Amino acid sequence: MPQTWLEAIRKVSTTGKYLSPATAEQIAFLPGPIEQNPIELILSDRERQIFHLIMDGKNIKEIAKELAISDKTVSTHKIICSTSLV
């Protein structure tokens, strides 16, 4: 398991939150006050939807069936979510 994933898991288990340095930097340089959840600022609506289903413990096949999209589309969004947030 990559070191960043281990770091993220440890951080979430202790504080409940984790942002990668790259994501924190993106948020820090946004213009004006941050009034939205950072996930909403970084991910598209579909990426957020898939992210929340993953957090609910659903696998790729279950998500694809629920959203009526292909497994490959879910996998692509999953990769985008993981690279954007970690």
N, C-alpha and C. Protein backbone atom coordinates (compact mmCIF):
# COMPACT_ATOMS: atom_id res chain seq x y z
N MET A 1 0.86 -1.18 0.00
CA MET A 1 0.00 0.00 0.00
C MET A 1 0.90 1.24 0.00
N PRO A 2 0.66 2.18 -0.89
CA PRO A 2 1.51 3.37 -0.94
C PRO A 2 1.50 4.13 0.39
N GLN A 3 2.60 4.78 0.67
CA GLN A 3 2.76 5.51 1.93
C GLN A 3 1.69 6.58 2.11
N THR A 4 1.31 7.27 1.04
CA THR A 4 0.30 8.33 1.18
C THR A 4 -1.04 7.76 1.61
N TRP A 5 -1.38 6.55 1.14
CA TRP A 5 -2.63 5.93 1.58
C TRP A 5 -2.57 5.59 3.06
N LEU A 6 -1.44 5.07 3.51
CA LEU A 6 -1.30 4.76 4.93
C LEU A 6 -1.42 6.03 5.78
N GLU A 7 -0.77 7.09 5.32
CA GLU A 7 -0.85 8.37 6.03
C GLU A 7 -2.29 8.86 6.09
N ALA A 8 -3.00 8.77 4.97
CA ALA A 8 -4.39 9.22 4.92
C ALA A 8 -5.27 8.40 5.86
N ILE A 9 -5.09 7.10 5.86
CA ILE A 9 -5.88 6.22 6.72
C ILE A 9 -5.62 6.54 8.19
N ARG A 10 -4.36 6.72 8.55
CA ARG A 10 -4.03 7.05 9.95
C ARG A 10 -4.65 8.39 10.35
N LYS A 11 -4.54 9.36 9.47
CA LYS A 11 -5.07 10.70 9.77
C LYS A 11 -6.59 10.65 9.94
N VAL A 12 -7.27 9.97 9.03
CA VAL A 12 -8.73 9.87 9.11
C VAL A 12 -9.16 9.12 10.36
N SER A 13 -8.40 8.09 10.73
CA SER A 13 -8.78 7.32 11.92
C SER A 13 -8.61 8.12 13.20
N THR A 14 -7.73 9.12 13.20
CA THR A 14 -7.52 9.92 14.42
C THR A 14 -8.32 11.22 14.41
N THR A 15 -8.33 11.91 13.28
CA THR A 15 -9.01 13.22 13.25
C THR A 15 -10.28 13.21 12.41
N GLY A 16 -10.47 12.17 11.61
CA GLY A 16 -11.64 12.09 10.76
C GLY A 16 -11.50 12.84 9.44
N LYS A 17 -10.36 13.48 9.22
CA LYS A 17 -10.18 14.28 8.00
C LYS A 17 -8.75 14.14 7.48
N TYR A 18 -8.63 14.21 6.15
CA TYR A 18 -7.31 14.21 5.53
C TYR A 18 -7.37 14.97 4.21
N LEU A 19 -6.40 15.82 4.01
CA LEU A 19 -6.21 16.49 2.72
C LEU A 19 -4.75 16.32 2.34
N SER A 20 -4.53 15.97 1.10
CA SER A 20 -3.15 15.87 0.64
C SER A 20 -2.55 17.26 0.58
N PRO A 21 -1.24 17.36 0.61
CA PRO A 21 -0.60 18.68 0.48
C PRO A 21 -1.02 19.40 -0.80
N ALA A 22 -1.16 18.66 -1.90
CA ALA A 22 -1.56 19.29 -3.17
C ALA A 22 -2.97 19.85 -3.08
N THR A 23 -3.88 19.11 -2.46
CA THR A 23 -5.26 19.57 -2.30
C THR A 23 -5.32 20.76 -1.36
N ALA A 24 -4.58 20.70 -0.26
CA ALA A 24 -4.55 21.82 0.68
C ALA A 24 -4.04 23.08 -0.02
N GLU A 25 -3.05 22.92 -0.88
CA GLU A 25 -2.51 24.07 -1.61
C GLU A 25 -3.55 24.63 -2.58
N GLN A 26 -4.29 23.76 -3.26
CA GLN A 26 -5.35 24.22 -4.16
C GLN A 26 -6.37 25.05 -3.40
N ILE A 27 -6.76 24.56 -2.24
CA ILE A 27 -7.77 25.25 -1.43
C ILE A 27 -7.22 26.57 -0.90
N ALA A 28 -5.96 26.57 -0.48
CA ALA A 28 -5.35 27.78 0.08
C ALA A 28 -5.31 28.92 -0.92
N PHE A 29 -5.19 28.59 -2.20
CA PHE A 29 -5.07 29.64 -3.21
C PHE A 29 -6.36 29.95 -3.94
N LEU A 30 -7.49 29.45 -3.43
CA LEU A 30 -8.77 29.82 -4.02
C LEU A 30 -9.07 31.28 -3.66
N PRO A 31 -9.65 32.01 -4.60
CA PRO A 31 -9.99 33.40 -4.28
C PRO A 31 -11.15 33.48 -3.29
N GLY A 32 -11.09 34.43 -2.40
CA GLY A 32 -12.18 34.69 -1.46
C GLY A 32 -12.30 33.64 -0.38
N PRO A 33 -13.31 33.78 0.49
CA PRO A 33 -13.49 32.85 1.60
C PRO A 33 -13.99 31.49 1.11
N ILE A 34 -13.62 30.46 1.82
CA ILE A 34 -14.09 29.12 1.50
C ILE A 34 -15.36 28.88 2.30
N GLU A 35 -16.48 28.81 1.60
CA GLU A 35 -17.76 28.60 2.26
C GLU A 35 -18.34 27.22 1.95
N GLN A 36 -17.67 26.49 1.08
CA GLN A 36 -18.14 25.16 0.71
C GLN A 36 -17.17 24.11 1.24
N ASN A 37 -17.66 22.89 1.29
CA ASN A 37 -16.83 21.76 1.63
C ASN A 37 -15.76 21.62 0.54
N PRO A 38 -14.49 21.42 0.88
CA PRO A 38 -13.44 21.29 -0.14
C PRO A 38 -13.72 20.22 -1.19
N ILE A 39 -14.38 19.14 -0.81
CA ILE A 39 -14.70 18.11 -1.79
C ILE A 39 -15.58 18.69 -2.89
N GLU A 40 -16.49 19.57 -2.52
CA GLU A 40 -17.38 20.19 -3.50
C GLU A 40 -16.63 21.13 -4.43
N LEU A 41 -15.51 21.66 -3.98
CA LEU A 41 -14.73 22.57 -4.81
C LEU A 41 -13.84 21.83 -5.80
N ILE A 42 -13.49 20.59 -5.50
CA ILE A 42 -12.51 19.87 -6.29
C ILE A 42 -13.16 18.86 -7.24
N LEU A 43 -14.17 18.15 -6.78
CA LEU A 43 -14.77 17.08 -7.56
C LEU A 43 -16.03 17.52 -8.29
N SER A 44 -16.29 16.88 -9.43
CA SER A 44 -17.53 17.13 -10.16
C SER A 44 -18.69 16.49 -9.40
N ASP A 45 -19.91 16.79 -9.82
CA ASP A 45 -21.08 16.20 -9.17
C ASP A 45 -21.02 14.67 -9.21
N ARG A 46 -20.70 14.10 -10.38
CA ARG A 46 -20.65 12.64 -10.53
C ARG A 46 -19.52 12.07 -9.69
N GLU A 47 -18.35 12.72 -9.66
CA GLU A 47 -17.23 12.25 -8.84
C GLU A 47 -17.61 12.24 -7.37
N ARG A 48 -18.30 13.29 -6.91
CA ARG A 48 -18.75 13.34 -5.51
C ARG A 48 -19.73 12.23 -5.22
N GLN A 49 -20.64 12.00 -6.16
CA GLN A 49 -21.64 10.94 -5.99
C GLN A 49 -20.94 9.59 -5.83
N ILE A 50 -19.98 9.31 -6.68
CA ILE A 50 -19.23 8.05 -6.61
C ILE A 50 -18.39 8.00 -5.34
N PHE A 51 -17.76 9.10 -4.97
CA PHE A 51 -16.97 9.17 -3.75
C PHE A 51 -17.82 8.79 -2.53
N HIS A 52 -19.02 9.35 -2.44
CA HIS A 52 -19.89 9.05 -1.30
C HIS A 52 -20.35 7.59 -1.30
N LEU A 53 -20.60 7.03 -2.47
CA LEU A 53 -20.99 5.62 -2.54
C LEU A 53 -19.83 4.72 -2.14
N ILE A 54 -18.62 5.09 -2.52
CA ILE A 54 -17.43 4.33 -2.08
C ILE A 54 -17.31 4.42 -0.57
N MET A 55 -17.50 5.60 -0.02
CA MET A 55 -17.42 5.78 1.43
C MET A 55 -18.51 4.99 2.15
N ASP A 56 -19.63 4.73 1.46
CA ASP A 56 -20.69 3.91 2.03
C ASP A 56 -20.38 2.41 1.95
N GLY A 57 -19.22 2.08 1.36
CA GLY A 57 -18.78 0.69 1.31
C GLY A 57 -19.19 -0.06 0.06
N LYS A 58 -19.71 0.63 -0.93
CA LYS A 58 -20.13 -0.04 -2.17
C LYS A 58 -18.93 -0.29 -3.07
N ASN A 59 -18.98 -1.40 -3.80
CA ASN A 59 -17.90 -1.71 -4.73
C ASN A 59 -18.23 -1.16 -6.12
N ILE A 60 -17.30 -1.29 -7.03
CA ILE A 60 -17.45 -0.71 -8.37
C ILE A 60 -18.68 -1.24 -9.09
N LYS A 61 -18.89 -2.55 -9.03
CA LYS A 61 -20.05 -3.14 -9.71
C LYS A 61 -21.37 -2.63 -9.13
N GLU A 62 -21.45 -2.51 -7.81
CA GLU A 62 -22.67 -2.02 -7.17
C GLU A 62 -22.94 -0.56 -7.57
N ILE A 63 -21.89 0.23 -7.58
CA ILE A 63 -22.03 1.64 -7.95
C ILE A 63 -22.48 1.76 -9.40
N ALA A 64 -21.84 1.00 -10.28
CA ALA A 64 -22.19 1.03 -11.70
C ALA A 64 -23.66 0.68 -11.90
N LYS A 65 -24.12 -0.35 -11.23
CA LYS A 65 -25.52 -0.77 -11.36
C LYS A 65 -26.46 0.31 -10.82
N GLU A 66 -26.12 0.86 -9.65
CA GLU A 66 -26.98 1.88 -9.04
C GLU A 66 -27.09 3.13 -9.90
N LEU A 67 -25.99 3.53 -10.52
CA LEU A 67 -25.97 4.76 -11.32
C LEU A 67 -26.22 4.52 -12.80
N ALA A 68 -26.40 3.26 -13.18
CA ALA A 68 -26.65 2.88 -14.59
C ALA A 68 -25.53 3.38 -15.50
N ILE A 69 -24.29 3.13 -15.06
CA ILE A 69 -23.11 3.46 -15.86
C ILE A 69 -22.20 2.24 -15.88
N SER A 70 -21.18 2.27 -16.73
CA SER A 70 -20.30 1.11 -16.83
C SER A 70 -19.32 1.03 -15.66
N ASP A 71 -18.81 -0.18 -15.42
CA ASP A 71 -17.79 -0.38 -14.40
C ASP A 71 -16.56 0.49 -14.70
N LYS A 72 -16.22 0.58 -15.98
CA LYS A 72 -15.04 1.35 -16.38
C LYS A 72 -15.22 2.84 -16.04
N THR A 73 -16.43 3.36 -16.23
CA THR A 73 -16.69 4.76 -15.89
C THR A 73 -16.53 4.98 -14.39
N VAL A 74 -17.05 4.07 -13.60
CA VAL A 74 -16.90 4.16 -12.14
C VAL A 74 -15.42 4.12 -11.77
N SER A 75 -14.68 3.19 -12.38
CA SER A 75 -13.25 3.08 -12.09
C SER A 75 -12.50 4.36 -12.43
N THR A 76 -12.86 4.96 -13.55
CA THR A 76 -12.21 6.22 -13.96
C THR A 76 -12.49 7.31 -12.94
N HIS A 77 -13.75 7.43 -12.52
CA HIS A 77 -14.09 8.45 -11.52
C HIS A 77 -13.42 8.16 -10.18
N LYS A 78 -13.30 6.89 -9.84
CA LYS A 78 -12.63 6.50 -8.59
C LYS A 78 -11.16 6.95 -8.62
N ILE A 79 -10.51 6.75 -9.74
CA ILE A 79 -9.11 7.18 -9.88
C ILE A 79 -9.00 8.69 -9.74
N ILE A 80 -9.91 9.42 -10.39
CA ILE A 80 -9.91 10.89 -10.29
C ILE A 80 -10.11 11.32 -8.85
N CYS A 81 -11.05 10.69 -8.15
CA CYS A 81 -11.29 11.03 -6.74
C CYS A 81 -10.04 10.78 -5.91
N SER A 82 -9.41 9.63 -6.10
CA SER A 82 -8.26 9.30 -5.27
C SER A 82 -7.07 10.20 -5.56
N THR A 83 -6.88 10.60 -6.81
CA THR A 83 -5.76 11.48 -7.11
C THR A 83 -6.03 12.93 -6.73
N SER A 84 -7.30 13.30 -6.69
CA SER A 84 -7.65 14.67 -6.32
C SER A 84 -7.61 14.89 -4.82
N LEU A 85 -7.94 13.86 -4.05
CA LEU A 85 -8.07 14.03 -2.61
C LEU A 85 -6.88 13.52 -1.81
N VAL A 86 -6.03 12.72 -2.42
CA VAL A 86 -4.90 12.18 -1.68
C VAL A 86 -3.62 12.68 -2.28
